[in-house]
Amino acid sequence: MSERTVWRWLEQAKATGRVEPGGRQGYAVSDEVWEVLGEAGGNVSELRRRLLAGAGGDGSVPSMSTLSRVVVGRLSA
């Protein structure tokens, strides 16, 4: 990890008084997104295209790599 990351963690620890690592929220696939994935025949690229079309360019759609990682991780669980 970079030195800058460590300094940022130290600054956050000073500000909050916590020394435990913060929790990561991550991206979770909702039931509606699973439904769209089913309609797309399991094609994550098509899922992302449909999500982008529905989002209207507001930037709330995760990257292709994030979507793939979440879908594969959930399917293998």
PDB file of N, CA and C in Angstrom:
ATOM      1  N   MET A   1       0.835  -1.174   0.000  1.00  0.00           N
ATOM      2  CA  MET A   1       0.000   0.000   0.000  1.00  0.00           C
ATOM      3  C   MET A   1       0.878   1.235   0.000  1.00  0.00           C
ATOM      4  N   SER A   2       0.323   2.310  -0.416  1.00  0.00           N
ATOM      5  CA  SER A   2       1.120   3.520  -0.547  1.00  0.00           C
ATOM      6  C   SER A   2       1.230   4.256   0.788  1.00  0.00           C
ATOM      7  N   GLU A   3       2.235   5.086   0.873  1.00  0.00           N
ATOM      8  CA  GLU A   3       2.434   5.901   2.077  1.00  0.00           C
ATOM      9  C   GLU A   3       1.246   6.835   2.290  1.00  0.00           C
ATOM     10  N   ARG A   4       0.715   7.325   1.204  1.00  0.00           N
ATOM     11  CA  ARG A   4      -0.437   8.235   1.279  1.00  0.00           C
ATOM     12  C   ARG A   4      -1.644   7.555   1.931  1.00  0.00           C
ATOM     13  N   THR A   5      -1.843   6.268   1.614  1.00  0.00           N
ATOM     14  CA  THR A   5      -2.945   5.513   2.207  1.00  0.00           C
ATOM     15  C   THR A   5      -2.786   5.429   3.716  1.00  0.00           C
ATOM     16  N   VAL A   6      -1.575   5.153   4.167  1.00  0.00           N
ATOM     17  CA  VAL A   6      -1.316   5.039   5.602  1.00  0.00           C
ATOM     18  C   VAL A   6      -1.582   6.379   6.291  1.00  0.00           C
ATOM     19  N   TRP A   7      -1.134   7.467   5.694  1.00  0.00           N
ATOM     20  CA  TRP A   7      -1.368   8.783   6.280  1.00  0.00           C
ATOM     21  C   TRP A   7      -2.866   9.100   6.344  1.00  0.00           C
ATOM     22  N   ARG A   8      -3.611   8.690   5.316  1.00  0.00           N
ATOM     23  CA  ARG A   8      -5.049   8.920   5.318  1.00  0.00           C
ATOM     24  C   ARG A   8      -5.712   8.135   6.444  1.00  0.00           C
ATOM     25  N   TRP A   9      -5.283   6.873   6.641  1.00  0.00           N
ATOM     26  CA  TRP A   9      -5.826   6.067   7.732  1.00  0.00           C
ATOM     27  C   TRP A   9      -5.528   6.693   9.084  1.00  0.00           C
ATOM     28  N   LEU A  10      -4.305   7.195   9.250  1.00  0.00           N
ATOM     29  CA  LEU A  10      -3.943   7.828  10.515  1.00  0.00           C
ATOM     30  C   LEU A  10      -4.782   9.078  10.767  1.00  0.00           C
ATOM     31  N   GLU A  11      -5.013   9.858   9.721  1.00  0.00           N
ATOM     32  CA  GLU A  11      -5.840  11.061   9.854  1.00  0.00           C
ATOM     33  C   GLU A  11      -7.272  10.691  10.229  1.00  0.00           C
ATOM     34  N   GLN A  12      -7.803   9.649   9.633  1.00  0.00           N
ATOM     35  CA  GLN A  12      -9.155   9.204   9.961  1.00  0.00           C
ATOM     36  C   GLN A  12      -9.227   8.700  11.397  1.00  0.00           C
ATOM     37  N   ALA A  13      -8.187   8.002  11.840  1.00  0.00           N
ATOM     38  CA  ALA A  13      -8.156   7.503  13.218  1.00  0.00           C
ATOM     39  C   ALA A  13      -8.122   8.661  14.209  1.00  0.00           C
ATOM     40  N   LYS A  14      -7.369   9.691  13.900  1.00  0.00           N
ATOM     41  CA  LYS A  14      -7.333  10.868  14.770  1.00  0.00           C
ATOM     42  C   LYS A  14      -8.694  11.552  14.830  1.00  0.00           C
ATOM     43  N   ALA A  15      -9.329  11.677  13.679  1.00  0.00           N
ATOM     44  CA  ALA A  15     -10.603  12.394  13.607  1.00  0.00           C
ATOM     45  C   ALA A  15     -11.733  11.636  14.300  1.00  0.00           C
ATOM     46  N   THR A  16     -11.749  10.310  14.165  1.00  0.00           N
ATOM     47  CA  THR A  16     -12.854   9.520  14.709  1.00  0.00           C
ATOM     48  C   THR A  16     -12.545   8.876  16.043  1.00  0.00           C
ATOM     49  N   GLY A  17     -11.263   8.762  16.377  1.00  0.00           N
ATOM     50  CA  GLY A  17     -10.892   8.082  17.612  1.00  0.00           C
ATOM     51  C   GLY A  17     -10.929   6.570  17.503  1.00  0.00           C
ATOM     52  N   ARG A  18     -11.171   6.060  16.316  1.00  0.00           N
ATOM     53  CA  ARG A  18     -11.218   4.608  16.092  1.00  0.00           C
ATOM     54  C   ARG A  18      -9.920   4.141  15.461  1.00  0.00           C
ATOM     55  N   VAL A  19      -9.452   2.990  15.901  1.00  0.00           N
ATOM     56  CA  VAL A  19      -8.245   2.432  15.304  1.00  0.00           C
ATOM     57  C   VAL A  19      -8.546   1.162  14.517  1.00  0.00           C
ATOM     58  N   GLU A  20      -9.796   0.699  14.565  1.00  0.00           N
ATOM     59  CA  GLU A  20     -10.180  -0.473  13.778  1.00  0.00           C
ATOM     60  C   GLU A  20     -10.364  -0.050  12.334  1.00  0.00           C
ATOM     61  N   PRO A  21     -10.124  -0.957  11.412  1.00  0.00           N
ATOM     62  CA  PRO A  21     -10.359  -0.599  10.006  1.00  0.00           C
ATOM     63  C   PRO A  21     -11.845  -0.356   9.769  1.00  0.00           C
ATOM     64  N   GLY A  22     -12.135   0.594   8.915  1.00  0.00           N
ATOM     65  CA  GLY A  22     -13.523   0.884   8.573  1.00  0.00           C
ATOM     66  C   GLY A  22     -14.111  -0.224   7.730  1.00  0.00           C
ATOM     67  N   GLY A  23     -15.397  -0.403   7.822  1.00  0.00           N
ATOM     68  CA  GLY A  23     -16.058  -1.449   7.049  1.00  0.00           C
ATOM     69  C   GLY A  23     -16.245  -1.031   5.600  1.00  0.00           C
ATOM     70  N   ARG A  24     -16.101  -1.978   4.719  1.00  0.00           N
ATOM     71  CA  ARG A  24     -16.342  -1.714   3.304  1.00  0.00           C
ATOM     72  C   ARG A  24     -17.783  -2.053   2.996  1.00  0.00           C
ATOM     73  N   GLN A  25     -18.433  -1.173   2.284  1.00  0.00           N
ATOM     74  CA  GLN A  25     -19.816  -1.436   1.937  1.00  0.00           C
ATOM     75  C   GLN A  25     -19.912  -2.308   0.696  1.00  0.00           C
ATOM     76  N   GLY A  26     -19.120  -2.026  -0.291  1.00  0.00           N
ATOM     77  CA  GLY A  26     -19.131  -2.835  -1.495  1.00  0.00           C
ATOM     78  C   GLY A  26     -20.427  -2.727  -2.280  1.00  0.00           C
ATOM     79  N   TYR A  27     -20.525  -3.470  -3.338  1.00  0.00           N
ATOM     80  CA  TYR A  27     -21.701  -3.460  -4.197  1.00  0.00           C
ATOM     81  C   TYR A  27     -22.431  -4.775  -4.023  1.00  0.00           C
ATOM     82  N   ALA A  28     -23.714  -4.701  -3.830  1.00  0.00           N
ATOM     83  CA  ALA A  28     -24.545  -5.902  -3.718  1.00  0.00           C
ATOM     84  C   ALA A  28     -25.563  -5.885  -4.858  1.00  0.00           C
ATOM     85  N   VAL A  29     -25.799  -7.037  -5.437  1.00  0.00           N
ATOM     86  CA  VAL A  29     -26.740  -7.166  -6.542  1.00  0.00           C
ATOM     87  C   VAL A  29     -28.136  -7.386  -5.968  1.00  0.00           C
ATOM     88  N   SER A  30     -29.054  -6.501  -6.321  1.00  0.00           N
ATOM     89  CA  SER A  30     -30.428  -6.598  -5.828  1.00  0.00           C
ATOM     90  C   SER A  30     -31.201  -7.665  -6.610  1.00  0.00           C
ATOM     91  N   ASP A  31     -32.371  -7.985  -6.105  1.00  0.00           N
ATOM     92  CA  ASP A  31     -33.230  -8.962  -6.784  1.00  0.00           C
ATOM     93  C   ASP A  31     -33.625  -8.482  -8.180  1.00  0.00           C
ATOM     94  N   GLU A  32     -33.840  -7.167  -8.310  1.00  0.00           N
ATOM     95  CA  GLU A  32     -34.208  -6.615  -9.615  1.00  0.00           C
ATOM     96  C   GLU A  32     -33.075  -6.783 -10.623  1.00  0.00           C
ATOM     97  N   VAL A  33     -31.841  -6.591 -10.151  1.00  0.00           N
ATOM     98  CA  VAL A  33     -30.684  -6.740 -11.044  1.00  0.00           C
ATOM     99  C   VAL A  33     -30.515  -8.204 -11.433  1.00  0.00           C
ATOM    100  N   TRP A  34     -30.757  -9.130 -10.504  1.00  0.00           N
ATOM    101  CA  TRP A  34     -30.692 -10.558 -10.838  1.00  0.00           C
ATOM    102  C   TRP A  34     -31.732 -10.886 -11.904  1.00  0.00           C
ATOM    103  N   GLU A  35     -32.899 -10.245 -11.796  1.00  0.00           N
ATOM    104  CA  GLU A  35     -33.950 -10.472 -12.788  1.00  0.00           C
ATOM    105  C   GLU A  35     -33.504  -9.998 -14.176  1.00  0.00           C
ATOM    106  N   VAL A  36     -32.883  -8.811 -14.219  1.00  0.00           N
ATOM    107  CA  VAL A  36     -32.379  -8.282 -15.490  1.00  0.00           C
ATOM    108  C   VAL A  36     -31.283  -9.188 -16.034  1.00  0.00           C
ATOM    109  N   LEU A  37     -30.429  -9.711 -15.146  1.00  0.00           N
ATOM    110  CA  LEU A  37     -29.373 -10.635 -15.579  1.00  0.00           C
ATOM    111  C   LEU A  37     -29.984 -11.894 -16.191  1.00  0.00           C
ATOM    112  N   GLY A  38     -31.064 -12.380 -15.602  1.00  0.00           N
ATOM    113  CA  GLY A  38     -31.760 -13.543 -16.167  1.00  0.00           C
ATOM    114  C   GLY A  38     -32.337 -13.245 -17.538  1.00  0.00           C
ATOM    115  N   GLU A  39     -32.917 -12.045 -17.681  1.00  0.00           N
ATOM    116  CA  GLU A  39     -33.456 -11.643 -18.982  1.00  0.00           C
ATOM    117  C   GLU A  39     -32.352 -11.501 -20.020  1.00  0.00           C
ATOM    118  N   ALA A  40     -31.147 -11.136 -19.553  1.00  0.00           N
ATOM    119  CA  ALA A  40     -30.006 -10.969 -20.460  1.00  0.00           C
ATOM    120  C   ALA A  40     -29.314 -12.302 -20.727  1.00  0.00           C
ATOM    121  N   GLY A  41     -29.870 -13.387 -20.236  1.00  0.00           N
ATOM    122  CA  GLY A  41     -29.294 -14.705 -20.486  1.00  0.00           C
ATOM    123  C   GLY A  41     -27.997 -14.952 -19.734  1.00  0.00           C
ATOM    124  N   GLY A  42     -27.804 -14.259 -18.607  1.00  0.00           N
ATOM    125  CA  GLY A  42     -26.589 -14.439 -17.823  1.00  0.00           C
ATOM    126  C   GLY A  42     -25.402 -13.657 -18.343  1.00  0.00           C
ATOM    127  N   ASN A  43     -25.610 -12.814 -19.332  1.00  0.00           N
ATOM    128  CA  ASN A  43     -24.540 -12.029 -19.937  1.00  0.00           C
ATOM    129  C   ASN A  43     -24.330 -10.746 -19.121  1.00  0.00           C
ATOM    130  N   VAL A  44     -23.203 -10.667 -18.404  1.00  0.00           N
ATOM    131  CA  VAL A  44     -22.937  -9.528 -17.533  1.00  0.00           C
ATOM    132  C   VAL A  44     -22.718  -8.255 -18.350  1.00  0.00           C
ATOM    133  N   SER A  45     -22.134  -8.359 -19.533  1.00  0.00           N
ATOM    134  CA  SER A  45     -21.952  -7.186 -20.391  1.00  0.00           C
ATOM    135  C   SER A  45     -23.299  -6.586 -20.782  1.00  0.00           C
ATOM    136  N   GLU A  46     -24.225  -7.446 -21.145  1.00  0.00           N
ATOM    137  CA  GLU A  46     -25.572  -6.980 -21.504  1.00  0.00           C
ATOM    138  C   GLU A  46     -26.271  -6.404 -20.276  1.00  0.00           C
ATOM    139  N   LEU A  47     -26.067  -7.007 -19.124  1.00  0.00           N
ATOM    140  CA  LEU A  47     -26.629  -6.483 -17.875  1.00  0.00           C
ATOM    141  C   LEU A  47     -26.145  -5.058 -17.639  1.00  0.00           C
ATOM    142  N   ARG A  48     -24.863  -4.825 -17.794  1.00  0.00           N
ATOM    143  CA  ARG A  48     -24.308  -3.486 -17.561  1.00  0.00           C
ATOM    144  C   ARG A  48     -24.860  -2.488 -18.580  1.00  0.00           C
ATOM    145  N   ARG A  49     -24.974  -2.913 -19.839  1.00  0.00           N
ATOM    146  CA  ARG A  49     -25.551  -2.015 -20.854  1.00  0.00           C
ATOM    147  C   ARG A  49     -26.974  -1.616 -20.472  1.00  0.00           C
ATOM    148  N   ARG A  50     -27.750  -2.579 -20.002  1.00  0.00           N
ATOM    149  CA  ARG A  50     -29.134  -2.275 -19.610  1.00  0.00           C
ATOM    150  C   ARG A  50     -29.177  -1.381 -18.374  1.00  0.00           C
ATOM    151  N   LEU A  51     -28.280  -1.612 -17.429  1.00  0.00           N
ATOM    152  CA  LEU A  51     -28.230  -0.759 -16.247  1.00  0.00           C
ATOM    153  C   LEU A  51     -27.837   0.669 -16.614  1.00  0.00           C
ATOM    154  N   LEU A  52     -26.876   0.799 -17.531  1.00  0.00           N
ATOM    155  CA  LEU A  52     -26.464   2.131 -17.983  1.00  0.00           C
ATOM    156  C   LEU A  52     -27.606   2.854 -18.689  1.00  0.00           C
ATOM    157  N   ALA A  53     -28.354   2.117 -19.497  1.00  0.00           N
ATOM    158  CA  ALA A  53     -29.477   2.724 -20.212  1.00  0.00           C
ATOM    159  C   ALA A  53     -30.555   3.179 -19.239  1.00  0.00           C
ATOM    160  N   GLY A  54     -30.760   2.416 -18.185  1.00  0.00           N
ATOM    161  CA  GLY A  54     -31.780   2.763 -17.199  1.00  0.00           C
ATOM    162  C   GLY A  54     -31.340   3.839 -16.224  1.00  0.00           C
ATOM    163  N   ALA A  55     -30.027   3.988 -16.031  1.00  0.00           N
ATOM    164  CA  ALA A  55     -29.526   4.964 -15.058  1.00  0.00           C
ATOM    165  C   ALA A  55     -29.532   6.377 -15.618  1.00  0.00           C
ATOM    166  N   GLY A  56     -29.510   6.514 -16.910  1.00  0.00           N
ATOM    167  CA  GLY A  56     -29.522   7.839 -17.512  1.00  0.00           C
ATOM    168  C   GLY A  56     -28.223   8.597 -17.325  1.00  0.00           C
ATOM    169  N   GLY A  57     -27.112   7.885 -17.151  1.00  0.00           N
ATOM    170  CA  GLY A  57     -25.810   8.537 -17.061  1.00  0.00           C
ATOM    171  C   GLY A  57     -25.529   9.224 -15.742  1.00  0.00           C
ATOM    172  N   ASP A  58     -26.185   8.791 -14.651  1.00  0.00           N
ATOM    173  CA  ASP A  58     -25.943   9.444 -13.368  1.00  0.00           C
ATOM    174  C   ASP A  58     -24.732   8.879 -12.622  1.00  0.00           C
ATOM    175  N   GLY A  59     -24.049   7.888 -13.204  1.00  0.00           N
ATOM    176  CA  GLY A  59     -22.819   7.360 -12.621  1.00  0.00           C
ATOM    177  C   GLY A  59     -23.019   6.357 -11.504  1.00  0.00           C
ATOM    178  N   SER A  60     -24.235   5.876 -11.305  1.00  0.00           N
ATOM    179  CA  SER A  60     -24.487   4.944 -10.212  1.00  0.00           C
ATOM    180  C   SER A  60     -24.287   3.481 -10.607  1.00  0.00           C
ATOM    181  N   VAL A  61     -23.943   3.222 -11.842  1.00  0.00           N
ATOM    182  CA  VAL A  61     -23.745   1.849 -12.314  1.00  0.00           C
ATOM    183  C   VAL A  61     -22.301   1.448 -12.059  1.00  0.00           C
ATOM    184  N   PRO A  62     -22.092   0.281 -11.425  1.00  0.00           N
ATOM    185  CA  PRO A  62     -20.722  -0.153 -11.155  1.00  0.00           C
ATOM    186  C   PRO A  62     -19.977  -0.523 -12.430  1.00  0.00           C
ATOM    187  N   SER A  63     -18.664  -0.624 -12.304  1.00  0.00           N
ATOM    188  CA  SER A  63     -17.837  -0.983 -13.452  1.00  0.00           C
ATOM    189  C   SER A  63     -18.098  -2.432 -13.853  1.00  0.00           C
ATOM    190  N   MET A  64     -17.639  -2.769 -15.044  1.00  0.00           N
ATOM    191  CA  MET A  64     -17.804  -4.133 -15.552  1.00  0.00           C
ATOM    192  C   MET A  64     -17.091  -5.134 -14.648  1.00  0.00           C
ATOM    193  N   SER A  65     -15.889  -4.784 -14.196  1.00  0.00           N
ATOM    194  CA  SER A  65     -15.130  -5.709 -13.347  1.00  0.00           C
ATOM    195  C   SER A  65     -15.833  -5.927 -12.009  1.00  0.00           C
ATOM    196  N   THR A  66     -16.420  -4.874 -11.449  1.00  0.00           N
ATOM    197  CA  THR A  66     -17.143  -5.021 -10.184  1.00  0.00           C
ATOM    198  C   THR A  66     -18.363  -5.904 -10.360  1.00  0.00           C
ATOM    199  N   LEU A  67     -19.132  -5.659 -11.419  1.00  0.00           N
ATOM    200  CA  LEU A  67     -20.303  -6.497 -11.672  1.00  0.00           C
ATOM    201  C   LEU A  67     -19.913  -7.964 -11.857  1.00  0.00           C
ATOM    202  N   SER A  68     -18.892  -8.211 -12.640  1.00  0.00           N
ATOM    203  CA  SER A  68     -18.446  -9.590 -12.877  1.00  0.00           C
ATOM    204  C   SER A  68     -18.018 -10.256 -11.579  1.00  0.00           C
ATOM    205  N   ARG A  69     -17.242  -9.533 -10.769  1.00  0.00           N
ATOM    206  CA  ARG A  69     -16.743 -10.088  -9.508  1.00  0.00           C
ATOM    207  C   ARG A  69     -17.897 -10.429  -8.571  1.00  0.00           C
ATOM    208  N   VAL A  70     -18.869  -9.532  -8.463  1.00  0.00           N
ATOM    209  CA  VAL A  70     -19.998  -9.765  -7.566  1.00  0.00           C
ATOM    210  C   VAL A  70     -20.865 -10.926  -8.042  1.00  0.00           C
ATOM    211  N   VAL A  71     -21.153 -10.973  -9.338  1.00  0.00           N
ATOM    212  CA  VAL A  71     -21.988 -12.043  -9.880  1.00  0.00           C
ATOM    213  C   VAL A  71     -21.293 -13.393  -9.745  1.00  0.00           C
ATOM    214  N   VAL A  72     -20.029 -13.467 -10.130  1.00  0.00           N
ATOM    215  CA  VAL A  72     -19.306 -14.741 -10.033  1.00  0.00           C
ATOM    216  C   VAL A  72     -19.161 -15.170  -8.574  1.00  0.00           C
ATOM    217  N   GLY A  73     -18.863 -14.208  -7.702  1.00  0.00           N
ATOM    218  CA  GLY A  73     -18.729 -14.531  -6.285  1.00  0.00           C
ATOM    219  C   GLY A  73     -20.022 -15.055  -5.688  1.00  0.00           C
ATOM    220  N   ARG A  74     -21.130 -14.457  -6.085  1.00  0.00           N
ATOM    221  CA  ARG A  74     -22.424 -14.889  -5.557  1.00  0.00           C
ATOM    222  C   ARG A  74     -22.817 -16.253  -6.123  1.00  0.00           C
ATOM    223  N   LEU A  75     -22.520 -16.485  -7.399  1.00  0.00           N
ATOM    224  CA  LEU A  75     -22.864 -17.767  -8.007  1.00  0.00           C
ATOM    225  C   LEU A  75     -22.020 -18.911  -7.443  1.00  0.00           C
ATOM    226  N   SER A  76     -20.753 -18.618  -7.142  1.00  0.00           N
ATOM    227  CA  SER A  76     -19.897 -19.683  -6.620  1.00  0.00           C
ATOM    228  C   SER A  76     -20.150 -19.951  -5.152  1.00  0.00           C
ATOM    229  N   ALA A  77     -20.813 -19.016  -4.445  1.00  0.00           N
ATOM    230  CA  ALA A  77     -21.142 -19.232  -3.042  1.00  0.00           C
ATOM    231  C   ALA A  77     -22.286 -20.193  -2.974  1.00  0.00           C
TER     232      ALA A  77
END
